[in-house]
Amino acid sequence: MSNELVHGQTSPSQCKEERKQLESNCRPVIFGRQPTPQCCARVRATHVECVCPYVTPKLAALLGVDRTIKQIEGCGRTVPRNFKCGSVTTPP
């Protein structure tokens, strides 16, 4: 599997399940903890089109864009520069 962000055809029900699993496995990250192996596995498997529509300014501020990018990359995924995800564009 590539280390790029996952893109692909997903149904609304698949996306809902992916978001649910991501939230469940990665909830401690919101409170400042490092991602667990289960969270990283979910980060690597979740399709960006299932998550990005839910990235609001409030969520981006809560999670911290730079911190989140570092954690995603720490899980073995590459976050492209100038990537638009919801209300956030990653740094150049």
PDB file of N, CA and C in Angstrom:
ATOM      1  N   MET A   1       0.847  -1.185   0.000  1.00  0.00           N
ATOM      2  CA  MET A   1       0.000   0.000   0.000  1.00  0.00           C
ATOM      3  C   MET A   1       0.884   1.237   0.000  1.00  0.00           C
ATOM      4  N   SER A   2       0.506   2.211  -0.781  1.00  0.00           N
ATOM      5  CA  SER A   2       1.235   3.473  -0.880  1.00  0.00           C
ATOM      6  C   SER A   2       1.083   4.261   0.410  1.00  0.00           C
ATOM      7  N   ASN A   3       2.006   5.188   0.625  1.00  0.00           N
ATOM      8  CA  ASN A   3       1.875   6.002   1.828  1.00  0.00           C
ATOM      9  C   ASN A   3       1.165   7.316   1.534  1.00  0.00           C
ATOM     10  N   GLU A   4       0.603   7.469   0.344  1.00  0.00           N
ATOM     11  CA  GLU A   4      -0.167   8.655   0.005  1.00  0.00           C
ATOM     12  C   GLU A   4      -1.541   8.585   0.673  1.00  0.00           C
ATOM     13  N   LEU A   5      -2.224   9.731   0.724  1.00  0.00           N
ATOM     14  CA  LEU A   5      -3.577   9.752   1.261  1.00  0.00           C
ATOM     15  C   LEU A   5      -4.463   8.850   0.409  1.00  0.00           C
ATOM     16  N   VAL A   6      -5.418   8.181   1.028  1.00  0.00           N
ATOM     17  CA  VAL A   6      -6.264   7.221   0.336  1.00  0.00           C
ATOM     18  C   VAL A   6      -7.413   7.943  -0.353  1.00  0.00           C
ATOM     19  N   HIS A   7      -7.538   7.692  -1.653  1.00  0.00           N
ATOM     20  CA  HIS A   7      -8.650   8.207  -2.443  1.00  0.00           C
ATOM     21  C   HIS A   7      -9.356   7.006  -3.068  1.00  0.00           C
ATOM     22  N   GLY A   8     -10.609   7.129  -3.371  1.00  0.00           N
ATOM     23  CA  GLY A   8     -11.292   6.032  -4.048  1.00  0.00           C
ATOM     24  C   GLY A   8     -12.786   6.182  -3.957  1.00  0.00           C
ATOM     25  N   GLN A   9     -13.462   5.269  -4.618  1.00  0.00           N
ATOM     26  CA  GLN A   9     -14.921   5.290  -4.624  1.00  0.00           C
ATOM     27  C   GLN A   9     -15.438   4.683  -3.325  1.00  0.00           C
ATOM     28  N   THR A  10     -16.214   5.457  -2.605  1.00  0.00           N
ATOM     29  CA  THR A  10     -16.812   4.951  -1.374  1.00  0.00           C
ATOM     30  C   THR A  10     -18.268   5.382  -1.339  1.00  0.00           C
ATOM     31  N   SER A  11     -19.091   4.548  -0.772  1.00  0.00           N
ATOM     32  CA  SER A  11     -20.507   4.884  -0.629  1.00  0.00           C
ATOM     33  C   SER A  11     -20.692   5.743   0.616  1.00  0.00           C
ATOM     34  N   PRO A  12     -21.815   6.454   0.699  1.00  0.00           N
ATOM     35  CA  PRO A  12     -22.080   7.233   1.923  1.00  0.00           C
ATOM     36  C   PRO A  12     -22.054   6.375   3.184  1.00  0.00           C
ATOM     37  N   SER A  13     -22.549   5.150   3.114  1.00  0.00           N
ATOM     38  CA  SER A  13     -22.539   4.293   4.308  1.00  0.00           C
ATOM     39  C   SER A  13     -21.121   3.849   4.649  1.00  0.00           C
ATOM     40  N   GLN A  14     -20.277   3.593   3.626  1.00  0.00           N
ATOM     41  CA  GLN A  14     -18.882   3.249   3.890  1.00  0.00           C
ATOM     42  C   GLN A  14     -18.169   4.428   4.553  1.00  0.00           C
ATOM     43  N   CYS A  15     -18.417   5.644   4.040  1.00  0.00           N
ATOM     44  CA  CYS A  15     -17.785   6.826   4.619  1.00  0.00           C
ATOM     45  C   CYS A  15     -18.222   7.026   6.061  1.00  0.00           C
ATOM     46  N   LYS A  16     -19.491   6.846   6.319  1.00  0.00           N
ATOM     47  CA  LYS A  16     -19.993   7.015   7.679  1.00  0.00           C
ATOM     48  C   LYS A  16     -19.301   6.038   8.623  1.00  0.00           C
ATOM     49  N   GLU A  17     -19.139   4.802   8.194  1.00  0.00           N
ATOM     50  CA  GLU A  17     -18.480   3.789   9.019  1.00  0.00           C
ATOM     51  C   GLU A  17     -17.000   4.127   9.214  1.00  0.00           C
ATOM     52  N   GLU A  18     -16.332   4.605   8.158  1.00  0.00           N
ATOM     53  CA  GLU A  18     -14.925   4.989   8.280  1.00  0.00           C
ATOM     54  C   GLU A  18     -14.754   6.132   9.284  1.00  0.00           C
ATOM     55  N   ARG A  19     -15.625   7.145   9.209  1.00  0.00           N
ATOM     56  CA  ARG A  19     -15.546   8.265  10.164  1.00  0.00           C
ATOM     57  C   ARG A  19     -15.787   7.789  11.585  1.00  0.00           C
ATOM     58  N   LYS A  20     -16.752   6.924  11.754  1.00  0.00           N
ATOM     59  CA  LYS A  20     -17.074   6.381  13.082  1.00  0.00           C
ATOM     60  C   LYS A  20     -15.860   5.644  13.659  1.00  0.00           C
ATOM     61  N   GLN A  21     -15.220   4.813  12.850  1.00  0.00           N
ATOM     62  CA  GLN A  21     -14.050   4.070  13.311  1.00  0.00           C
ATOM     63  C   GLN A  21     -12.876   5.008  13.587  1.00  0.00           C
ATOM     64  N   LEU A  22     -12.693   6.017  12.738  1.00  0.00           N
ATOM     65  CA  LEU A  22     -11.620   6.985  12.949  1.00  0.00           C
ATOM     66  C   LEU A  22     -11.826   7.721  14.266  1.00  0.00           C
ATOM     67  N   GLU A  23     -13.048   8.190  14.508  1.00  0.00           N
ATOM     68  CA  GLU A  23     -13.350   8.887  15.758  1.00  0.00           C
ATOM     69  C   GLU A  23     -13.125   7.972  16.960  1.00  0.00           C
ATOM     70  N   SER A  24     -13.572   6.748  16.862  1.00  0.00           N
ATOM     71  CA  SER A  24     -13.441   5.808  17.974  1.00  0.00           C
ATOM     72  C   SER A  24     -11.977   5.483  18.265  1.00  0.00           C
ATOM     73  N   ASN A  25     -11.208   5.200  17.227  1.00  0.00           N
ATOM     74  CA  ASN A  25      -9.815   4.793  17.413  1.00  0.00           C
ATOM     75  C   ASN A  25      -8.880   5.948  17.731  1.00  0.00           C
ATOM     76  N   CYS A  26      -9.252   7.156  17.330  1.00  0.00           N
ATOM     77  CA  CYS A  26      -8.330   8.286  17.479  1.00  0.00           C
ATOM     78  C   CYS A  26      -8.796   9.348  18.471  1.00  0.00           C
ATOM     79  N   ARG A  27      -9.856   9.100  19.193  1.00  0.00           N
ATOM     80  CA  ARG A  27     -10.378  10.082  20.150  1.00  0.00           C
ATOM     81  C   ARG A  27      -9.319  10.597  21.129  1.00  0.00           C
ATOM     82  N   PRO A  28      -8.435   9.752  21.685  1.00  0.00           N
ATOM     83  CA  PRO A  28      -7.425  10.259  22.628  1.00  0.00           C
ATOM     84  C   PRO A  28      -6.495  11.313  22.018  1.00  0.00           C
ATOM     85  N   VAL A  29      -6.329  11.288  20.701  1.00  0.00           N
ATOM     86  CA  VAL A  29      -5.467  12.265  20.031  1.00  0.00           C
ATOM     87  C   VAL A  29      -6.015  13.682  20.231  1.00  0.00           C
ATOM     88  N   ILE A  30      -7.332  13.814  20.263  1.00  0.00           N
ATOM     89  CA  ILE A  30      -7.963  15.123  20.466  1.00  0.00           C
ATOM     90  C   ILE A  30      -7.524  15.719  21.805  1.00  0.00           C
ATOM     91  N   PHE A  31      -7.253  14.842  22.766  1.00  0.00           N
ATOM     92  CA  PHE A  31      -6.877  15.292  24.109  1.00  0.00           C
ATOM     93  C   PHE A  31      -5.361  15.331  24.303  1.00  0.00           C
ATOM     94  N   GLY A  32      -4.632  15.361  23.179  1.00  0.00           N
ATOM     95  CA  GLY A  32      -3.195  15.571  23.243  1.00  0.00           C
ATOM     96  C   GLY A  32      -2.348  14.313  23.300  1.00  0.00           C
ATOM     97  N   ARG A  33      -2.960  13.154  23.250  1.00  0.00           N
ATOM     98  CA  ARG A  33      -2.188  11.916  23.286  1.00  0.00           C
ATOM     99  C   ARG A  33      -1.652  11.572  21.903  1.00  0.00           C
ATOM    100  N   GLN A  34      -0.630  10.742  21.876  1.00  0.00           N
ATOM    101  CA  GLN A  34      -0.071  10.268  20.611  1.00  0.00           C
ATOM    102  C   GLN A  34      -1.008   9.210  20.015  1.00  0.00           C
ATOM    103  N   PRO A  35      -1.043   9.088  18.688  1.00  0.00           N
ATOM    104  CA  PRO A  35      -1.886   8.059  18.065  1.00  0.00           C
ATOM    105  C   PRO A  35      -1.442   6.656  18.461  1.00  0.00           C
ATOM    106  N   THR A  36      -2.403   5.808  18.733  1.00  0.00           N
ATOM    107  CA  THR A  36      -2.127   4.398  19.027  1.00  0.00           C
ATOM    108  C   THR A  36      -1.916   3.656  17.705  1.00  0.00           C
ATOM    109  N   PRO A  37      -1.399   2.432  17.758  1.00  0.00           N
ATOM    110  CA  PRO A  37      -1.293   1.645  16.523  1.00  0.00           C
ATOM    111  C   PRO A  37      -2.651   1.472  15.828  1.00  0.00           C
ATOM    112  N   GLN A  38      -3.725   1.332  16.619  1.00  0.00           N
ATOM    113  CA  GLN A  38      -5.061   1.188  16.036  1.00  0.00           C
ATOM    114  C   GLN A  38      -5.486   2.473  15.330  1.00  0.00           C
ATOM    115  N   CYS A  39      -5.173   3.620  15.938  1.00  0.00           N
ATOM    116  CA  CYS A  39      -5.496   4.907  15.323  1.00  0.00           C
ATOM    117  C   CYS A  39      -4.718   5.053  14.019  1.00  0.00           C
ATOM    118  N   CYS A  40      -3.432   4.737  14.037  1.00  0.00           N
ATOM    119  CA  CYS A  40      -2.620   4.854  12.821  1.00  0.00           C
ATOM    120  C   CYS A  40      -3.138   3.936  11.718  1.00  0.00           C
ATOM    121  N   ALA A  41      -3.549   2.732  12.073  1.00  0.00           N
ATOM    122  CA  ALA A  41      -4.101   1.821  11.071  1.00  0.00           C
ATOM    123  C   ALA A  41      -5.349   2.433  10.444  1.00  0.00           C
ATOM    124  N   ARG A  42      -6.170   3.065  11.265  1.00  0.00           N
ATOM    125  CA  ARG A  42      -7.392   3.694  10.755  1.00  0.00           C
ATOM    126  C   ARG A  42      -7.044   4.906   9.890  1.00  0.00           C
ATOM    127  N   VAL A  43      -6.051   5.696  10.304  1.00  0.00           N
ATOM    128  CA  VAL A  43      -5.611   6.858   9.523  1.00  0.00           C
ATOM    129  C   VAL A  43      -5.144   6.402   8.148  1.00  0.00           C
ATOM    130  N   ARG A  44      -4.420   5.300   8.098  1.00  0.00           N
ATOM    131  CA  ARG A  44      -3.902   4.806   6.811  1.00  0.00           C
ATOM    132  C   ARG A  44      -5.008   4.268   5.921  1.00  0.00           C
ATOM    133  N   ALA A  45      -6.105   3.796   6.492  1.00  0.00           N
ATOM    134  CA  ALA A  45      -7.165   3.165   5.704  1.00  0.00           C
ATOM    135  C   ALA A  45      -8.323   4.096   5.342  1.00  0.00           C
ATOM    136  N   THR A  46      -8.460   5.198   6.036  1.00  0.00           N
ATOM    137  CA  THR A  46      -9.607   6.087   5.820  1.00  0.00           C
ATOM    138  C   THR A  46      -9.432   6.907   4.548  1.00  0.00           C
ATOM    139  N   HIS A  47     -10.489   6.988   3.753  1.00  0.00           N
ATOM    140  CA  HIS A  47     -10.490   7.761   2.519  1.00  0.00           C
ATOM    141  C   HIS A  47     -10.669   9.243   2.838  1.00  0.00           C
ATOM    142  N   VAL A  48      -9.855  10.094   2.200  1.00  0.00           N
ATOM    143  CA  VAL A  48      -9.921  11.529   2.487  1.00  0.00           C
ATOM    144  C   VAL A  48     -11.285  12.113   2.167  1.00  0.00           C
ATOM    145  N   GLU A  49     -11.958  11.599   1.133  1.00  0.00           N
ATOM    146  CA  GLU A  49     -13.270  12.148   0.780  1.00  0.00           C
ATOM    147  C   GLU A  49     -14.327  11.842   1.830  1.00  0.00           C
ATOM    148  N   CYS A  50     -14.031  10.928   2.737  1.00  0.00           N
ATOM    149  CA  CYS A  50     -14.960  10.628   3.833  1.00  0.00           C
ATOM    150  C   CYS A  50     -14.768  11.576   5.009  1.00  0.00           C
ATOM    151  N   VAL A  51     -13.591  12.180   5.106  1.00  0.00           N
ATOM    152  CA  VAL A  51     -13.246  12.997   6.263  1.00  0.00           C
ATOM    153  C   VAL A  51     -13.260  14.493   5.940  1.00  0.00           C
ATOM    154  N   CYS A  52     -12.680  14.877   4.817  1.00  0.00           N
ATOM    155  CA  CYS A  52     -12.486  16.298   4.517  1.00  0.00           C
ATOM    156  C   CYS A  52     -13.761  17.147   4.556  1.00  0.00           C
ATOM    157  N   PRO A  53     -14.915  16.648   4.111  1.00  0.00           N
ATOM    158  CA  PRO A  53     -16.113  17.489   4.199  1.00  0.00           C
ATOM    159  C   PRO A  53     -16.475  17.890   5.633  1.00  0.00           C
ATOM    160  N   TYR A  54     -15.916  17.203   6.620  1.00  0.00           N
ATOM    161  CA  TYR A  54     -16.250  17.475   8.015  1.00  0.00           C
ATOM    162  C   TYR A  54     -15.201  18.321   8.732  1.00  0.00           C
ATOM    163  N   VAL A  55     -14.170  18.752   8.005  1.00  0.00           N
ATOM    164  CA  VAL A  55     -13.123  19.572   8.609  1.00  0.00           C
ATOM    165  C   VAL A  55     -13.578  21.030   8.573  1.00  0.00           C
ATOM    166  N   THR A  56     -14.112  21.475   9.697  1.00  0.00           N
ATOM    167  CA  THR A  56     -14.602  22.843   9.848  1.00  0.00           C
ATOM    168  C   THR A  56     -13.510  23.703  10.479  1.00  0.00           C
ATOM    169  N   PRO A  57     -13.655  25.017  10.415  1.00  0.00           N
ATOM    170  CA  PRO A  57     -12.675  25.872  11.108  1.00  0.00           C
ATOM    171  C   PRO A  57     -12.580  25.538  12.599  1.00  0.00           C
ATOM    172  N   LYS A  58     -13.708  25.235  13.230  1.00  0.00           N
ATOM    173  CA  LYS A  58     -13.718  24.910  14.662  1.00  0.00           C
ATOM    174  C   LYS A  58     -12.926  23.628  14.933  1.00  0.00           C
ATOM    175  N   LEU A  59     -13.142  22.594  14.112  1.00  0.00           N
ATOM    176  CA  LEU A  59     -12.420  21.338  14.284  1.00  0.00           C
ATOM    177  C   LEU A  59     -10.930  21.537  14.018  1.00  0.00           C
ATOM    178  N   ALA A  60     -10.604  22.292  12.977  1.00  0.00           N
ATOM    179  CA  ALA A  60      -9.197  22.555  12.652  1.00  0.00           C
ATOM    180  C   ALA A  60      -8.505  23.270  13.805  1.00  0.00           C
ATOM    181  N   ALA A  61      -9.195  24.223  14.424  1.00  0.00           N
ATOM    182  CA  ALA A  61      -8.615  24.950  15.556  1.00  0.00           C
ATOM    183  C   ALA A  61      -8.438  24.027  16.759  1.00  0.00           C
ATOM    184  N   LEU A  62      -9.403  23.156  16.988  1.00  0.00           N
ATOM    185  CA  LEU A  62      -9.344  22.217  18.109  1.00  0.00           C
ATOM    186  C   LEU A  62      -8.170  21.251  17.956  1.00  0.00           C
ATOM    187  N   LEU A  63      -8.004  20.695  16.769  1.00  0.00           N
ATOM    188  CA  LEU A  63      -6.963  19.694  16.541  1.00  0.00           C
ATOM    189  C   LEU A  63      -5.590  20.302  16.293  1.00  0.00           C
ATOM    190  N   GLY A  64      -5.545  21.484  15.696  1.00  0.00           N
ATOM    191  CA  GLY A  64      -4.272  22.096  15.333  1.00  0.00           C
ATOM    192  C   GLY A  64      -3.751  21.480  14.043  1.00  0.00           C
ATOM    193  N   VAL A  65      -3.709  22.250  12.983  1.00  0.00           N
ATOM    194  CA  VAL A  65      -3.348  21.733  11.666  1.00  0.00           C
ATOM    195  C   VAL A  65      -1.934  21.163  11.645  1.00  0.00           C
ATOM    196  N   ASP A  66      -0.962  21.919  12.131  1.00  0.00           N
ATOM    197  CA  ASP A  66       0.424  21.441  12.090  1.00  0.00           C
ATOM    198  C   ASP A  66       0.599  20.169  12.909  1.00  0.00           C
ATOM    199  N   ARG A  67       0.008  20.135  14.084  1.00  0.00           N
ATOM    200  CA  ARG A  67       0.087  18.951  14.949  1.00  0.00           C
ATOM    201  C   ARG A  67      -0.570  17.749  14.273  1.00  0.00           C
ATOM    202  N   THR A  68      -1.726  17.966  13.661  1.00  0.00           N
ATOM    203  CA  THR A  68      -2.441  16.879  12.997  1.00  0.00           C
ATOM    204  C   THR A  68      -1.644  16.336  11.817  1.00  0.00           C
ATOM    205  N   ILE A  69      -1.046  17.227  11.035  1.00  0.00           N
ATOM    206  CA  ILE A  69      -0.230  16.788   9.900  1.00  0.00           C
ATOM    207  C   ILE A  69       0.933  15.936  10.392  1.00  0.00           C
ATOM    208  N   LYS A  70       1.602  16.374  11.456  1.00  0.00           N
ATOM    209  CA  LYS A  70       2.720  15.599  12.003  1.00  0.00           C
ATOM    210  C   LYS A  70       2.261  14.215  12.466  1.00  0.00           C
ATOM    211  N   GLN A  71       1.088  14.159  13.073  1.00  0.00           N
ATOM    212  CA  GLN A  71       0.588  12.872  13.557  1.00  0.00           C
ATOM    213  C   GLN A  71       0.214  11.957  12.395  1.00  0.00           C
ATOM    214  N   ILE A  72      -0.410  12.517  11.366  1.00  0.00           N
ATOM    215  CA  ILE A  72      -0.764  11.718  10.184  1.00  0.00           C
ATOM    216  C   ILE A  72       0.510  11.174   9.550  1.00  0.00           C
ATOM    217  N   GLU A  73       1.503  12.037   9.411  1.00  0.00           N
ATOM    218  CA  GLU A  73       2.768  11.595   8.827  1.00  0.00           C
ATOM    219  C   GLU A  73       3.477  10.597   9.737  1.00  0.00           C
ATOM    220  N   GLY A  74       3.331  10.763  11.054  1.00  0.00           N
ATOM    221  CA  GLY A  74       3.892   9.805  11.999  1.00  0.00           C
ATOM    222  C   GLY A  74       3.245   8.428  11.888  1.00  0.00           C
ATOM    223  N   CYS A  75       2.037   8.400  11.358  1.00  0.00           N
ATOM    224  CA  CYS A  75       1.336   7.135  11.127  1.00  0.00           C
ATOM    225  C   CYS A  75       1.702   6.521   9.777  1.00  0.00           C
ATOM    226  N   GLY A  76       2.606   7.180   9.044  1.00  0.00           N
ATOM    227  CA  GLY A  76       3.064   6.606   7.784  1.00  0.00           C
ATOM    228  C   GLY A  76       2.358   7.111   6.550  1.00  0.00           C
ATOM    229  N   ARG A  77       1.620   8.196   6.663  1.00  0.00           N
ATOM    230  CA  ARG A  77       0.938   8.797   5.514  1.00  0.00           C
ATOM    231  C   ARG A  77       1.616  10.106   5.148  1.00  0.00           C
ATOM    232  N   THR A  78       1.619  10.406   3.870  1.00  0.00           N
ATOM    233  CA  THR A  78       2.142  11.676   3.391  1.00  0.00           C
ATOM    234  C   THR A  78       0.974  12.638   3.226  1.00  0.00           C
ATOM    235  N   VAL A  79       1.140  13.855   3.701  1.00  0.00           N
ATOM    236  CA  VAL A  79       0.126  14.892   3.510  1.00  0.00           C
ATOM    237  C   VAL A  79       0.686  15.870   2.480  1.00  0.00           C
ATOM    238  N   PRO A  80       0.061  15.959   1.310  1.00  0.00           N
ATOM    239  CA  PRO A  80       0.590  16.841   0.267  1.00  0.00           C
ATOM    240  C   PRO A  80       0.582  18.303   0.697  1.00  0.00           C
ATOM    241  N   ARG A  81       1.522  19.057   0.187  1.00  0.00           N
ATOM    242  CA  ARG A  81       1.554  20.503   0.426  1.00  0.00           C
ATOM    243  C   ARG A  81       0.413  21.150  -0.360  1.00  0.00           C
ATOM    244  N   ASN A  82      -0.142  22.222   0.194  1.00  0.00           N
ATOM    245  CA  ASN A  82      -1.251  22.951  -0.421  1.00  0.00           C
ATOM    246  C   ASN A  82      -2.457  22.055  -0.702  1.00  0.00           C
ATOM    247  N   PHE A  83      -2.685  21.059   0.153  1.00  0.00           N
ATOM    248  CA  PHE A  83      -3.805  20.137  -0.003  1.00  0.00           C
ATOM    249  C   PHE A  83      -5.027  20.728   0.685  1.00  0.00           C
ATOM    250  N   LYS A  84      -6.143  20.829  -0.033  1.00  0.00           N
ATOM    251  CA  LYS A  84      -7.379  21.378   0.521  1.00  0.00           C
ATOM    252  C   LYS A  84      -8.190  20.251   1.128  1.00  0.00           C
ATOM    253  N   CYS A  85      -8.486  20.384   2.416  1.00  0.00           N
ATOM    254  CA  CYS A  85      -9.311  19.399   3.131  1.00  0.00           C
ATOM    255  C   CYS A  85     -10.297  20.177   3.980  1.00  0.00           C
ATOM    256  N   GLY A  86     -11.536  20.184   3.554  1.00  0.00           N
ATOM    257  CA  GLY A  86     -12.551  20.954   4.266  1.00  0.00           C
ATOM    258  C   GLY A  86     -12.193  22.420   4.256  1.00  0.00           C
ATOM    259  N   SER A  87     -12.145  23.031   5.430  1.00  0.00           N
ATOM    260  CA  SER A  87     -11.852  24.466   5.534  1.00  0.00           C
ATOM    261  C   SER A  87     -10.363  24.749   5.646  1.00  0.00           C
ATOM    262  N   VAL A  88      -9.537  23.712   5.536  1.00  0.00           N
ATOM    263  CA  VAL A  88      -8.100  23.846   5.760  1.00  0.00           C
ATOM    264  C   VAL A  88      -7.331  23.554   4.475  1.00  0.00           C
ATOM    265  N   THR A  89      -6.307  24.345   4.232  1.00  0.00           N
ATOM    266  CA  THR A  89      -5.339  24.044   3.189  1.00  0.00           C
ATOM    267  C   THR A  89      -4.007  23.860   3.890  1.00  0.00           C
ATOM    268  N   THR A  90      -3.358  22.728   3.616  1.00  0.00           N
ATOM    269  CA  THR A  90      -2.098  22.433   4.297  1.00  0.00           C
ATOM    270  C   THR A  90      -1.029  23.441   3.860  1.00  0.00           C
ATOM    271  N   PRO A  91      -0.025  23.629   4.701  1.00  0.00           N
ATOM    272  CA  PRO A  91       1.028  24.600   4.392  1.00  0.00           C
ATOM    273  C   PRO A  91       1.779  24.233   3.109  1.00  0.00           C
ATOM    274  N   PRO A  92       2.299  25.260   2.419  1.00  0.00           N
ATOM    275  CA  PRO A  92       3.051  25.005   1.181  1.00  0.00           C
ATOM    276  C   PRO A  92       4.382  24.341   1.450  1.00  0.00           C
TER     277      PRO A  92
END
